[in-house]
Amino acid sequence: MSGYNKIKLICFDLDDTLWPCMPTIIKAENRLYQWLCLHKPAITRRYSLEDLRLKRLALASQRADIKHNLTELRKASLRALCAEFNDDSGWVDDAFDVFYKARQEVEFYADVEPVLSCLKEKYHLASITNGNADIHRTSLGHLFDYAFAAETAGAAKPDATMFMALVKTAAVSADEVLFIGDHPVDDIEASRAAGMTNIWLNRQAMQWPHESFKPDHSLQTLYEILPLLGLDRI
């Protein structure tokens, strides 16, 4: 447990840390596309789902002001379709809500619920995400004390904004926070730069890609965190 004695709060990235990201996104985009087929068939007759995805990515490259805000980016891409098809934008919020609801229907990795339930008995829990998933809209939201997202913070990881907001809101020092995530730069390097202890959750057993910095620990499952913290294995 050496090195972890000061930890008071454990913060998690969400996508690809607590659940697989792409299956969730694909499901949500498919559901939105089905809605468009029913309510805006002129759009889907011209564009496939992949076409719409490419149009949104192109818009993101043009709109640096909202690139961090994935909710606004998706809405902006829908409003651009309104302009293209000479349509009013009254349906945009309804369409986005279809996507957003599906975006929260995540399938947690098998180790998440038992380990987080165990950690919650001793630590405060938080999440920091660049995506527009909301941990409090999921089935495990009750376990989290704090949640921060790039779209409301105004900046995405690896920017320090959300990390600094977390320590301020939770009234802890950075060295009392353990950050766990899958992304070497956005999660590991960013939390290290913020003064936090970090764990690279390397579920795919990949090779560490950077020479200039390394994670404090690298684990393949959340179960491995428990002995590091001096907690009983599940």
C-alpha atoms as a PDB file:
ATOM      1  CA  MET A   1       0.000   0.000   0.000  1.00  0.00           C
ATOM      2  CA  SER A   2       3.086   2.220   0.060  1.00  0.00           C
ATOM      3  CA  GLY A   3       2.438   5.421  -1.853  1.00  0.00           C
ATOM      4  CA  TYR A   4      -1.324   5.171  -1.525  1.00  0.00           C
ATOM      5  CA  ASN A   5      -1.720   6.042   2.151  1.00  0.00           C
ATOM      6  CA  LYS A   6      -2.681   9.654   1.382  1.00  0.00           C
ATOM      7  CA  ILE A   7      -5.395   8.807  -1.147  1.00  0.00           C
ATOM      8  CA  LYS A   8      -8.837  10.135  -0.219  1.00  0.00           C
ATOM      9  CA  LEU A   9     -10.532  10.262  -3.611  1.00  0.00           C
ATOM     10  CA  ILE A  10     -10.395   7.935  -6.626  1.00  0.00           C
ATOM     11  CA  CYS A  11     -11.278   9.415  -9.992  1.00  0.00           C
ATOM     12  CA  PHE A  12     -12.070   7.451 -13.142  1.00  0.00           C
ATOM     13  CA  ASP A  13     -12.134   8.178 -16.812  1.00  0.00           C
ATOM     14  CA  LEU A  14     -15.332   6.725 -18.315  1.00  0.00           C
ATOM     15  CA  ASP A  15     -15.153   5.559 -21.948  1.00  0.00           C
ATOM     16  CA  ASP A  16     -12.930   2.487 -22.377  1.00  0.00           C
ATOM     17  CA  THR A  17     -12.178   2.566 -18.655  1.00  0.00           C
ATOM     18  CA  LEU A  18     -15.532   1.649 -17.106  1.00  0.00           C
ATOM     19  CA  TRP A  19     -17.219   0.464 -20.324  1.00  0.00           C
ATOM     20  CA  PRO A  20     -16.271  -0.068 -23.988  1.00  0.00           C
ATOM     21  CA  CYS A  21     -16.830   3.186 -25.843  1.00  0.00           C
ATOM     22  CA  MET A  22     -17.428   2.332 -29.484  1.00  0.00           C
ATOM     23  CA  PRO A  23     -20.276  -0.185 -29.003  1.00  0.00           C
ATOM     24  CA  THR A  24     -22.116   2.470 -27.006  1.00  0.00           C
ATOM     25  CA  ILE A  25     -21.534   5.173 -29.620  1.00  0.00           C
ATOM     26  CA  ILE A  26     -22.491   2.882 -32.497  1.00  0.00           C
ATOM     27  CA  LYS A  27     -25.719   1.908 -30.769  1.00  0.00           C
ATOM     28  CA  ALA A  28     -26.587   5.545 -30.080  1.00  0.00           C
ATOM     29  CA  GLU A  29     -25.798   6.655 -33.634  1.00  0.00           C
ATOM     30  CA  ASN A  30     -27.844   3.806 -35.076  1.00  0.00           C
ATOM     31  CA  ARG A  31     -30.785   4.768 -32.913  1.00  0.00           C
ATOM     32  CA  LEU A  32     -30.518   8.395 -34.030  1.00  0.00           C
ATOM     33  CA  TYR A  33     -30.279   7.319 -37.669  1.00  0.00           C
ATOM     34  CA  GLN A  34     -33.423   5.215 -37.284  1.00  0.00           C
ATOM     35  CA  TRP A  35     -35.173   8.281 -35.884  1.00  0.00           C
ATOM     36  CA  LEU A  36     -34.015  10.332 -38.863  1.00  0.00           C
ATOM     37  CA  CYS A  37     -35.252   7.621 -41.248  1.00  0.00           C
ATOM     38  CA  LEU A  38     -38.695   7.931 -39.702  1.00  0.00           C
ATOM     39  CA  HIS A  39     -38.909  11.695 -39.175  1.00  0.00           C
ATOM     40  CA  LYS A  40     -36.474  13.166 -41.731  1.00  0.00           C
ATOM     41  CA  PRO A  41     -36.307  10.650 -44.589  1.00  0.00           C
ATOM     42  CA  ALA A  42     -34.949  13.205 -47.071  1.00  0.00           C
ATOM     43  CA  ILE A  43     -31.725  13.279 -45.046  1.00  0.00           C
ATOM     44  CA  THR A  44     -31.293   9.522 -44.895  1.00  0.00           C
ATOM     45  CA  ARG A  45     -32.122   9.088 -48.562  1.00  0.00           C
ATOM     46  CA  ARG A  46     -29.128  11.289 -49.352  1.00  0.00           C
ATOM     47  CA  TYR A  47     -26.748  10.311 -46.571  1.00  0.00           C
ATOM     48  CA  SER A  48     -25.803   7.014 -44.971  1.00  0.00           C
ATOM     49  CA  LEU A  49     -24.943   6.820 -41.287  1.00  0.00           C
ATOM     50  CA  GLU A  50     -21.256   6.803 -42.219  1.00  0.00           C
ATOM     51  CA  ASP A  51     -21.763   9.869 -44.437  1.00  0.00           C
ATOM     52  CA  LEU A  52     -23.250  11.751 -41.494  1.00  0.00           C
ATOM     53  CA  ARG A  53     -20.378  10.703 -39.263  1.00  0.00           C
ATOM     54  CA  LEU A  54     -17.843  12.019 -41.762  1.00  0.00           C
ATOM     55  CA  LYS A  55     -19.754  15.293 -42.093  1.00  0.00           C
ATOM     56  CA  ARG A  56     -19.681  15.705 -38.313  1.00  0.00           C
ATOM     57  CA  LEU A  57     -15.928  15.021 -38.176  1.00  0.00           C
ATOM     58  CA  ALA A  58     -15.384  17.591 -40.907  1.00  0.00           C
ATOM     59  CA  LEU A  59     -17.396  20.102 -38.909  1.00  0.00           C
ATOM     60  CA  ALA A  60     -15.298  19.366 -35.816  1.00  0.00           C
ATOM     61  CA  SER A  61     -12.145  20.215 -37.745  1.00  0.00           C
ATOM     62  CA  GLN A  62     -13.683  23.582 -38.654  1.00  0.00           C
ATOM     63  CA  ARG A  63     -15.128  24.447 -35.242  1.00  0.00           C
ATOM     64  CA  ALA A  64     -12.285  24.507 -32.738  1.00  0.00           C
ATOM     65  CA  ASP A  65     -14.562  26.539 -30.448  1.00  0.00           C
ATOM     66  CA  ILE A  66     -16.846  23.556 -29.822  1.00  0.00           C
ATOM     67  CA  LYS A  67     -14.520  20.624 -30.511  1.00  0.00           C
ATOM     68  CA  HIS A  68     -14.409  19.845 -26.781  1.00  0.00           C
ATOM     69  CA  ASN A  69     -18.209  20.008 -26.475  1.00  0.00           C
ATOM     70  CA  LEU A  70     -19.477  16.846 -28.128  1.00  0.00           C
ATOM     71  CA  THR A  71     -23.102  17.638 -27.328  1.00  0.00           C
ATOM     72  CA  GLU A  72     -22.944  21.006 -29.063  1.00  0.00           C
ATOM     73  CA  LEU A  73     -20.939  19.499 -31.917  1.00  0.00           C
ATOM     74  CA  ARG A  74     -23.614  16.895 -32.590  1.00  0.00           C
ATOM     75  CA  LYS A  75     -26.362  19.493 -32.381  1.00  0.00           C
ATOM     76  CA  ALA A  76     -24.412  21.792 -34.700  1.00  0.00           C
ATOM     77  CA  SER A  77     -24.077  18.959 -37.209  1.00  0.00           C
ATOM     78  CA  LEU A  78     -27.854  18.470 -37.116  1.00  0.00           C
ATOM     79  CA  ARG A  79     -28.462  22.197 -37.522  1.00  0.00           C
ATOM     80  CA  ALA A  80     -26.142  22.152 -40.534  1.00  0.00           C
ATOM     81  CA  LEU A  81     -28.433  19.529 -42.069  1.00  0.00           C
ATOM     82  CA  CYS A  82     -31.386  21.823 -41.428  1.00  0.00           C
ATOM     83  CA  ALA A  83     -29.665  24.553 -43.398  1.00  0.00           C
ATOM     84  CA  GLU A  84     -28.679  22.160 -46.165  1.00  0.00           C
ATOM     85  CA  PHE A  85     -32.226  20.858 -46.560  1.00  0.00           C
ATOM     86  CA  ASN A  86     -33.855  24.252 -46.036  1.00  0.00           C
ATOM     87  CA  ASP A  87     -35.607  22.917 -42.958  1.00  0.00           C
ATOM     88  CA  ASP A  88     -36.411  24.530 -39.622  1.00  0.00           C
ATOM     89  CA  SER A  89     -34.373  23.402 -36.611  1.00  0.00           C
ATOM     90  CA  GLY A  90     -37.257  22.678 -34.269  1.00  0.00           C
ATOM     91  CA  TRP A  91     -36.544  18.946 -34.364  1.00  0.00           C
ATOM     92  CA  VAL A  92     -32.842  19.111 -33.473  1.00  0.00           C
ATOM     93  CA  ASP A  93     -33.225  18.815 -29.699  1.00  0.00           C
ATOM     94  CA  ASP A  94     -35.627  15.884 -30.034  1.00  0.00           C
ATOM     95  CA  ALA A  95     -33.232  14.110 -32.382  1.00  0.00           C
ATOM     96  CA  PHE A  96     -30.263  14.689 -30.109  1.00  0.00           C
ATOM     97  CA  ASP A  97     -32.222  13.426 -27.101  1.00  0.00           C
ATOM     98  CA  VAL A  98     -32.645  10.106 -28.904  1.00  0.00           C
ATOM     99  CA  PHE A  99     -28.869   9.851 -29.273  1.00  0.00           C
ATOM    100  CA  TYR A 100     -28.164  11.108 -25.763  1.00  0.00           C
ATOM    101  CA  LYS A 101     -30.483   8.654 -24.050  1.00  0.00           C
ATOM    102  CA  ALA A 102     -28.858   5.751 -25.874  1.00  0.00           C
ATOM    103  CA  ARG A 103     -25.411   7.183 -25.068  1.00  0.00           C
ATOM    104  CA  GLN A 104     -26.087   6.561 -21.375  1.00  0.00           C
ATOM    105  CA  GLU A 105     -27.104   2.919 -21.908  1.00  0.00           C
ATOM    106  CA  VAL A 106     -23.638   1.614 -21.219  1.00  0.00           C
ATOM    107  CA  GLU A 107     -22.537  -1.951 -20.549  1.00  0.00           C
ATOM    108  CA  PHE A 108     -20.011  -1.887 -17.732  1.00  0.00           C
ATOM    109  CA  TYR A 109     -17.005  -4.162 -17.774  1.00  0.00           C
ATOM    110  CA  ALA A 110     -17.548  -7.083 -15.415  1.00  0.00           C
ATOM    111  CA  ASP A 111     -15.072  -5.819 -12.812  1.00  0.00           C
ATOM    112  CA  VAL A 112     -16.577  -2.331 -12.477  1.00  0.00           C
ATOM    113  CA  GLU A 113     -19.582  -2.777 -10.185  1.00  0.00           C
ATOM    114  CA  PRO A 114     -17.925  -5.066  -7.602  1.00  0.00           C
ATOM    115  CA  VAL A 115     -14.713  -3.041  -7.402  1.00  0.00           C
ATOM    116  CA  LEU A 116     -16.386   0.374  -7.281  1.00  0.00           C
ATOM    117  CA  SER A 117     -18.781  -0.859  -4.601  1.00  0.00           C
ATOM    118  CA  CYS A 118     -15.800  -1.985  -2.563  1.00  0.00           C
ATOM    119  CA  LEU A 119     -13.885   1.266  -3.095  1.00  0.00           C
ATOM    120  CA  LYS A 120     -16.932   3.341  -2.165  1.00  0.00           C
ATOM    121  CA  GLU A 121     -16.782   1.965   1.374  1.00  0.00           C
ATOM    122  CA  LYS A 122     -13.485   3.787   1.964  1.00  0.00           C
ATOM    123  CA  TYR A 123     -13.060   6.495  -0.686  1.00  0.00           C
ATOM    124  CA  HIS A 124     -14.949   9.259  -2.413  1.00  0.00           C
ATOM    125  CA  LEU A 125     -15.378   8.494  -6.121  1.00  0.00           C
ATOM    126  CA  ALA A 126     -15.380  10.868  -9.086  1.00  0.00           C
ATOM    127  CA  SER A 127     -15.314  10.817 -12.874  1.00  0.00           C
ATOM    128  CA  ILE A 128     -13.689  13.046 -15.490  1.00  0.00           C
ATOM    129  CA  THR A 129     -14.578  12.588 -19.140  1.00  0.00           C
ATOM    130  CA  ASN A 130     -14.063  14.241 -22.512  1.00  0.00           C
ATOM    131  CA  GLY A 131     -17.216  12.546 -23.786  1.00  0.00           C
ATOM    132  CA  ASN A 132     -20.864  13.361 -23.177  1.00  0.00           C
ATOM    133  CA  ALA A 133     -21.620  10.321 -21.102  1.00  0.00           C
ATOM    134  CA  ASP A 134     -23.075  11.169 -17.689  1.00  0.00           C
ATOM    135  CA  ILE A 135     -22.160   8.676 -14.986  1.00  0.00           C
ATOM    136  CA  HIS A 136     -25.143   9.822 -12.920  1.00  0.00           C
ATOM    137  CA  ARG A 137     -27.490   8.685 -15.698  1.00  0.00           C
ATOM    138  CA  THR A 138     -26.115   5.148 -15.540  1.00  0.00           C
ATOM    139  CA  SER A 139     -26.969   2.333 -13.157  1.00  0.00           C
ATOM    140  CA  LEU A 140     -23.854   3.008 -11.050  1.00  0.00           C
ATOM    141  CA  GLY A 141     -24.294   6.759 -10.766  1.00  0.00           C
ATOM    142  CA  HIS A 142     -25.188   6.484  -7.087  1.00  0.00           C
ATOM    143  CA  LEU A 143     -21.607   5.453  -6.310  1.00  0.00           C
ATOM    144  CA  PHE A 144     -20.104   8.737  -7.538  1.00  0.00           C
ATOM    145  CA  ASP A 145     -19.717  11.878  -5.484  1.00  0.00           C
ATOM    146  CA  TYR A 146     -18.461  14.106  -8.320  1.00  0.00           C
ATOM    147  CA  ALA A 147     -18.610  14.136 -12.104  1.00  0.00           C
ATOM    148  CA  PHE A 148     -16.881  16.486 -14.541  1.00  0.00           C
ATOM    149  CA  ALA A 149     -17.247  16.682 -18.326  1.00  0.00           C
ATOM    150  CA  ALA A 150     -15.333  18.691 -20.907  1.00  0.00           C
ATOM    151  CA  GLU A 151     -18.489  20.227 -22.345  1.00  0.00           C
ATOM    152  CA  THR A 152     -19.405  21.909 -19.057  1.00  0.00           C
ATOM    153  CA  ALA A 153     -15.833  22.585 -17.916  1.00  0.00           C
ATOM    154  CA  GLY A 154     -14.992  24.381 -21.155  1.00  0.00           C
ATOM    155  CA  ALA A 155     -11.886  22.346 -21.949  1.00  0.00           C
ATOM    156  CA  ALA A 156     -11.006  18.719 -22.642  1.00  0.00           C
ATOM    157  CA  LYS A 157      -8.240  16.565 -21.219  1.00  0.00           C
ATOM    158  CA  PRO A 158      -5.262  16.789 -21.274  1.00  0.00           C
ATOM    159  CA  ASP A 159      -6.033  20.400 -20.320  1.00  0.00           C
ATOM    160  CA  ALA A 160      -5.812  20.714 -16.524  1.00  0.00           C
ATOM    161  CA  THR A 161      -9.189  22.459 -16.090  1.00  0.00           C
ATOM    162  CA  MET A 162     -11.230  19.456 -14.962  1.00  0.00           C
ATOM    163  CA  PHE A 163      -8.477  18.112 -12.708  1.00  0.00           C
ATOM    164  CA  MET A 164      -8.202  21.456 -10.949  1.00  0.00           C
ATOM    165  CA  ALA A 165     -11.985  21.720 -10.671  1.00  0.00           C
ATOM    166  CA  LEU A 166     -12.083  18.304  -9.035  1.00  0.00           C
ATOM    167  CA  VAL A 167      -9.574  19.097  -6.287  1.00  0.00           C
ATOM    168  CA  LYS A 168     -11.270  22.422  -5.605  1.00  0.00           C
ATOM    169  CA  THR A 169     -14.781  20.976  -5.458  1.00  0.00           C
ATOM    170  CA  ALA A 170     -13.795  17.939  -3.400  1.00  0.00           C
ATOM    171  CA  ALA A 171     -11.577  20.031  -1.110  1.00  0.00           C
ATOM    172  CA  VAL A 172      -8.606  17.698  -1.450  1.00  0.00           C
ATOM    173  CA  SER A 173      -5.032  18.219  -2.581  1.00  0.00           C
ATOM    174  CA  ALA A 174      -3.894  16.743  -5.879  1.00  0.00           C
ATOM    175  CA  ASP A 175      -1.642  14.197  -4.153  1.00  0.00           C
ATOM    176  CA  GLU A 176      -4.701  12.840  -2.327  1.00  0.00           C
ATOM    177  CA  VAL A 177      -6.291  11.830  -5.661  1.00  0.00           C
ATOM    178  CA  LEU A 178      -5.751   8.567  -7.508  1.00  0.00           C
ATOM    179  CA  PHE A 179      -6.692   8.830 -11.191  1.00  0.00           C
ATOM    180  CA  ILE A 180      -7.466   5.726 -13.252  1.00  0.00           C
ATOM    181  CA  GLY A 181      -7.820   5.812 -17.024  1.00  0.00           C
ATOM    182  CA  ASP A 182      -7.001   4.105 -20.310  1.00  0.00           C
ATOM    183  CA  HIS A 183      -5.515   6.941 -22.378  1.00  0.00           C
ATOM    184  CA  PRO A 184      -1.746   7.467 -22.004  1.00  0.00           C
ATOM    185  CA  VAL A 185      -1.851  11.226 -22.623  1.00  0.00           C
ATOM    186  CA  ASP A 186      -5.368  12.412 -21.758  1.00  0.00           C
ATOM    187  CA  ASP A 187      -5.511  10.340 -18.573  1.00  0.00           C
ATOM    188  CA  ILE A 188      -2.043   9.356 -17.416  1.00  0.00           C
ATOM    189  CA  GLU A 189       0.169  12.250 -18.477  1.00  0.00           C
ATOM    190  CA  ALA A 190      -2.540  14.811 -17.718  1.00  0.00           C
ATOM    191  CA  SER A 191      -3.238  13.528 -14.206  1.00  0.00           C
ATOM    192  CA  ARG A 192       0.502  13.198 -13.530  1.00  0.00           C
ATOM    193  CA  ALA A 193       1.015  16.812 -14.591  1.00  0.00           C
ATOM    194  CA  ALA A 194      -1.812  17.803 -12.243  1.00  0.00           C
ATOM    195  CA  GLY A 195       0.056  16.204  -9.344  1.00  0.00           C
ATOM    196  CA  MET A 196      -2.119  13.117  -8.972  1.00  0.00           C
ATOM    197  CA  THR A 197      -1.112   9.495  -8.578  1.00  0.00           C
ATOM    198  CA  ASN A 198      -2.226   7.518 -11.611  1.00  0.00           C
ATOM    199  CA  ILE A 199      -2.965   4.016 -12.823  1.00  0.00           C
ATOM    200  CA  TRP A 200      -3.041   3.057 -16.478  1.00  0.00           C
ATOM    201  CA  LEU A 201      -5.887   0.612 -16.932  1.00  0.00           C
ATOM    202  CA  ASN A 202      -4.504  -1.351 -19.859  1.00  0.00           C
ATOM    203  CA  ARG A 203      -7.321  -3.802 -20.538  1.00  0.00           C
ATOM    204  CA  GLN A 204      -5.957  -4.761 -23.959  1.00  0.00           C
ATOM    205  CA  ALA A 205      -2.431  -5.539 -22.715  1.00  0.00           C
ATOM    206  CA  MET A 206      -0.887  -2.983 -25.055  1.00  0.00           C
ATOM    207  CA  GLN A 207       2.723  -1.820 -25.034  1.00  0.00           C
ATOM    208  CA  TRP A 208       3.221   1.500 -23.249  1.00  0.00           C
ATOM    209  CA  PRO A 209       3.676   3.969 -26.146  1.00  0.00           C
ATOM    210  CA  HIS A 210       5.744   6.784 -24.611  1.00  0.00           C
ATOM    211  CA  GLU A 211       9.345   7.013 -23.473  1.00  0.00           C
ATOM    212  CA  SER A 212       9.205  10.455 -21.849  1.00  0.00           C
ATOM    213  CA  PHE A 213       6.784   9.470 -19.078  1.00  0.00           C
ATOM    214  CA  LYS A 214       5.298   6.352 -17.528  1.00  0.00           C
ATOM    215  CA  PRO A 215       2.269   5.547 -15.358  1.00  0.00           C
ATOM    216  CA  ASP A 216       2.715   5.014 -11.642  1.00  0.00           C
ATOM    217  CA  HIS A 217       1.143   1.592 -12.117  1.00  0.00           C
ATOM    218  CA  SER A 218      -0.183  -0.378 -15.073  1.00  0.00           C
ATOM    219  CA  LEU A 219      -2.994  -2.874 -14.482  1.00  0.00           C
ATOM    220  CA  GLN A 220      -5.236  -4.959 -16.723  1.00  0.00           C
ATOM    221  CA  THR A 221      -8.291  -5.168 -14.473  1.00  0.00           C
ATOM    222  CA  LEU A 222      -9.815  -3.101 -11.706  1.00  0.00           C
ATOM    223  CA  TYR A 223      -9.556  -6.090  -9.382  1.00  0.00           C
ATOM    224  CA  GLU A 224      -5.793  -5.526  -9.249  1.00  0.00           C
ATOM    225  CA  ILE A 225      -6.330  -2.122  -7.645  1.00  0.00           C
ATOM    226  CA  LEU A 226      -7.637  -3.581  -4.410  1.00  0.00           C
ATOM    227  CA  PRO A 227      -4.376  -5.105  -3.086  1.00  0.00           C
ATOM    228  CA  LEU A 228      -2.518  -1.908  -4.035  1.00  0.00           C
ATOM    229  CA  LEU A 229      -4.846  -0.064  -1.676  1.00  0.00           C
ATOM    230  CA  GLY A 230      -4.621  -2.688   1.047  1.00  0.00           C
ATOM    231  CA  LEU A 231      -8.169  -3.888   0.464  1.00  0.00           C
ATOM    232  CA  ASP A 232      -9.362  -7.467   0.386  1.00  0.00           C
ATOM    233  CA  ARG A 233      -9.539  -9.123  -2.997  1.00  0.00           C
ATOM    234  CA  ILE A 234     -13.050  -9.873  -4.253  1.00  0.00           C
END
